[in-house]
C-alpha atoms as a PDB file:
ATOM      1  CA  GLU A   1      27.099  15.481 -20.367  1.00  0.00           C
ATOM      2  CA  CYS A   2      27.017  14.170 -23.950  1.00  0.00           C
ATOM      3  CA  PHE A   3      29.288  17.047 -24.942  1.00  0.00           C
ATOM      4  CA  HIS A   4      31.837  15.907 -22.350  1.00  0.00           C
ATOM      5  CA  LEU A   5      32.294  12.372 -23.755  1.00  0.00           C
ATOM      6  CA  PRO A   6      34.094  13.341 -26.988  1.00  0.00           C
ATOM      7  CA  ASN A   7      36.585  15.380 -24.944  1.00  0.00           C
ATOM      8  CA  VAL A   8      37.279  12.403 -22.680  1.00  0.00           C
ATOM      9  CA  ALA A   9      37.748  10.118 -25.680  1.00  0.00           C
ATOM     10  CA  GLU A  10      40.041  12.640 -27.348  1.00  0.00           C
ATOM     11  CA  GLU A  11      42.116  13.104 -24.193  1.00  0.00           C
ATOM     12  CA  THR A  12      42.354   9.335 -23.764  1.00  0.00           C
ATOM     13  CA  MET A  13      43.541   8.946 -27.353  1.00  0.00           C
ATOM     14  CA  ARG A  14      46.174  11.661 -26.882  1.00  0.00           C
ATOM     15  CA  ALA A  15      47.394  10.031 -23.667  1.00  0.00           C
ATOM     16  CA  LYS A  16      47.703   6.642 -25.376  1.00  0.00           C
ATOM     17  CA  GLN A  17      49.612   8.207 -28.260  1.00  0.00           C
ATOM     18  CA  MET A  18      51.948   9.994 -25.868  1.00  0.00           C
ATOM     19  CA  LEU A  19      52.687   6.727 -24.032  1.00  0.00           C
ATOM     20  CA  ALA A  20      53.327   4.925 -27.317  1.00  0.00           C
ATOM     21  CA  THR A  21      55.721   7.683 -28.394  1.00  0.00           C
ATOM     22  CA  MET A  22      57.553   7.645 -25.052  1.00  0.00           C
ATOM     23  CA  SER A  23      57.839   3.869 -25.183  1.00  0.00           C
ATOM     24  CA  HIS A  24      59.358   4.045 -28.661  1.00  0.00           C
ATOM     25  CA  GLU A  25      61.768   6.807 -27.639  1.00  0.00           C
ATOM     26  CA  ILE A  26      63.002   4.695 -24.721  1.00  0.00           C
ATOM     27  CA  ARG A  27      63.117   1.343 -26.522  1.00  0.00           C
ATOM     28  CA  SER A  28      65.109   2.477 -29.542  1.00  0.00           C
ATOM     29  CA  PRO A  29      68.261   3.606 -27.691  1.00  0.00           C
ATOM     30  CA  LEU A  30      67.934   0.750 -25.193  1.00  0.00           C
ATOM     31  CA  SER A  31      67.893  -1.714 -28.066  1.00  0.00           C
ATOM     32  CA  GLY A  32      71.131  -0.224 -29.367  1.00  0.00           C
ATOM     33  CA  VAL A  33      72.792  -0.447 -25.961  1.00  0.00           C
ATOM     34  CA  LEU A  34      71.734  -4.074 -25.538  1.00  0.00           C
ATOM     35  CA  SER A  35      72.973  -4.956 -29.018  1.00  0.00           C
ATOM     36  CA  MET A  36      76.364  -3.451 -28.235  1.00  0.00           C
ATOM     37  CA  ALA A  37      76.435  -5.322 -24.918  1.00  0.00           C
ATOM     38  CA  GLU A  38      75.842  -8.592 -26.775  1.00  0.00           C
ATOM     39  CA  ILE A  39      78.751  -7.776 -29.083  1.00  0.00           C
ATOM     40  CA  LEU A  40      80.880  -6.945 -26.046  1.00  0.00           C
ATOM     41  CA  ALA A  41      80.002 -10.350 -24.565  1.00  0.00           C
ATOM     42  CA  ALA A  42      81.856 -11.977 -27.458  1.00  0.00           C
ATOM     43  CA  THR A  43      85.108 -10.248 -26.475  1.00  0.00           C
ATOM     44  CA  LYS A  44      87.671 -11.231 -23.886  1.00  0.00           C
ATOM     45  CA  LEU A  45      86.526  -9.939 -20.495  1.00  0.00           C
ATOM     46  CA  ASP A  46      87.794 -10.556 -17.003  1.00  0.00           C
ATOM     47  CA  LYS A  47      85.442 -12.037 -14.392  1.00  0.00           C
ATOM     48  CA  GLU A  48      84.318  -8.692 -12.963  1.00  0.00           C
ATOM     49  CA  GLN A  49      83.674  -7.202 -16.405  1.00  0.00           C
ATOM     50  CA  TYR A  50      81.656 -10.259 -17.411  1.00  0.00           C
ATOM     51  CA  GLN A  51      79.562 -10.072 -14.225  1.00  0.00           C
ATOM     52  CA  LEU A  52      78.834  -6.399 -14.867  1.00  0.00           C
ATOM     53  CA  LEU A  53      77.912  -7.187 -18.456  1.00  0.00           C
ATOM     54  CA  GLU A  54      75.518  -9.913 -17.278  1.00  0.00           C
ATOM     55  CA  VAL A  55      73.800  -7.363 -15.027  1.00  0.00           C
ATOM     56  CA  MET A  56      73.502  -4.983 -17.967  1.00  0.00           C
ATOM     57  CA  LEU A  57      72.013  -7.639 -20.238  1.00  0.00           C
ATOM     58  CA  SER A  58      69.572  -8.959 -17.632  1.00  0.00           C
ATOM     59  CA  SER A  59      68.436  -5.420 -16.781  1.00  0.00           C
ATOM     60  CA  GLY A  60      67.320  -4.899 -20.359  1.00  0.00           C
ATOM     61  CA  ASP A  61      64.898  -7.839 -20.324  1.00  0.00           C
END
C-alpha cells in the first residue's frame, strides 16, 4: 500500500495542474470578451442592445 500513495499524489497533482490550465484557457478569452463589452458600453446603444450588453457583462462575473 505504501507504493500506491506516490501514484495517488502524482495523479492528484496532475489533476490540479489540468484544472489550473483549463481555468486559464477559459479565463483569458473571457477576459477579452468582457473588456470589449465594457468598451461597447461606452457607445451609443438602443435600449434592447443595452439590456443585452448588461446580460453579457453580468454573466461574466
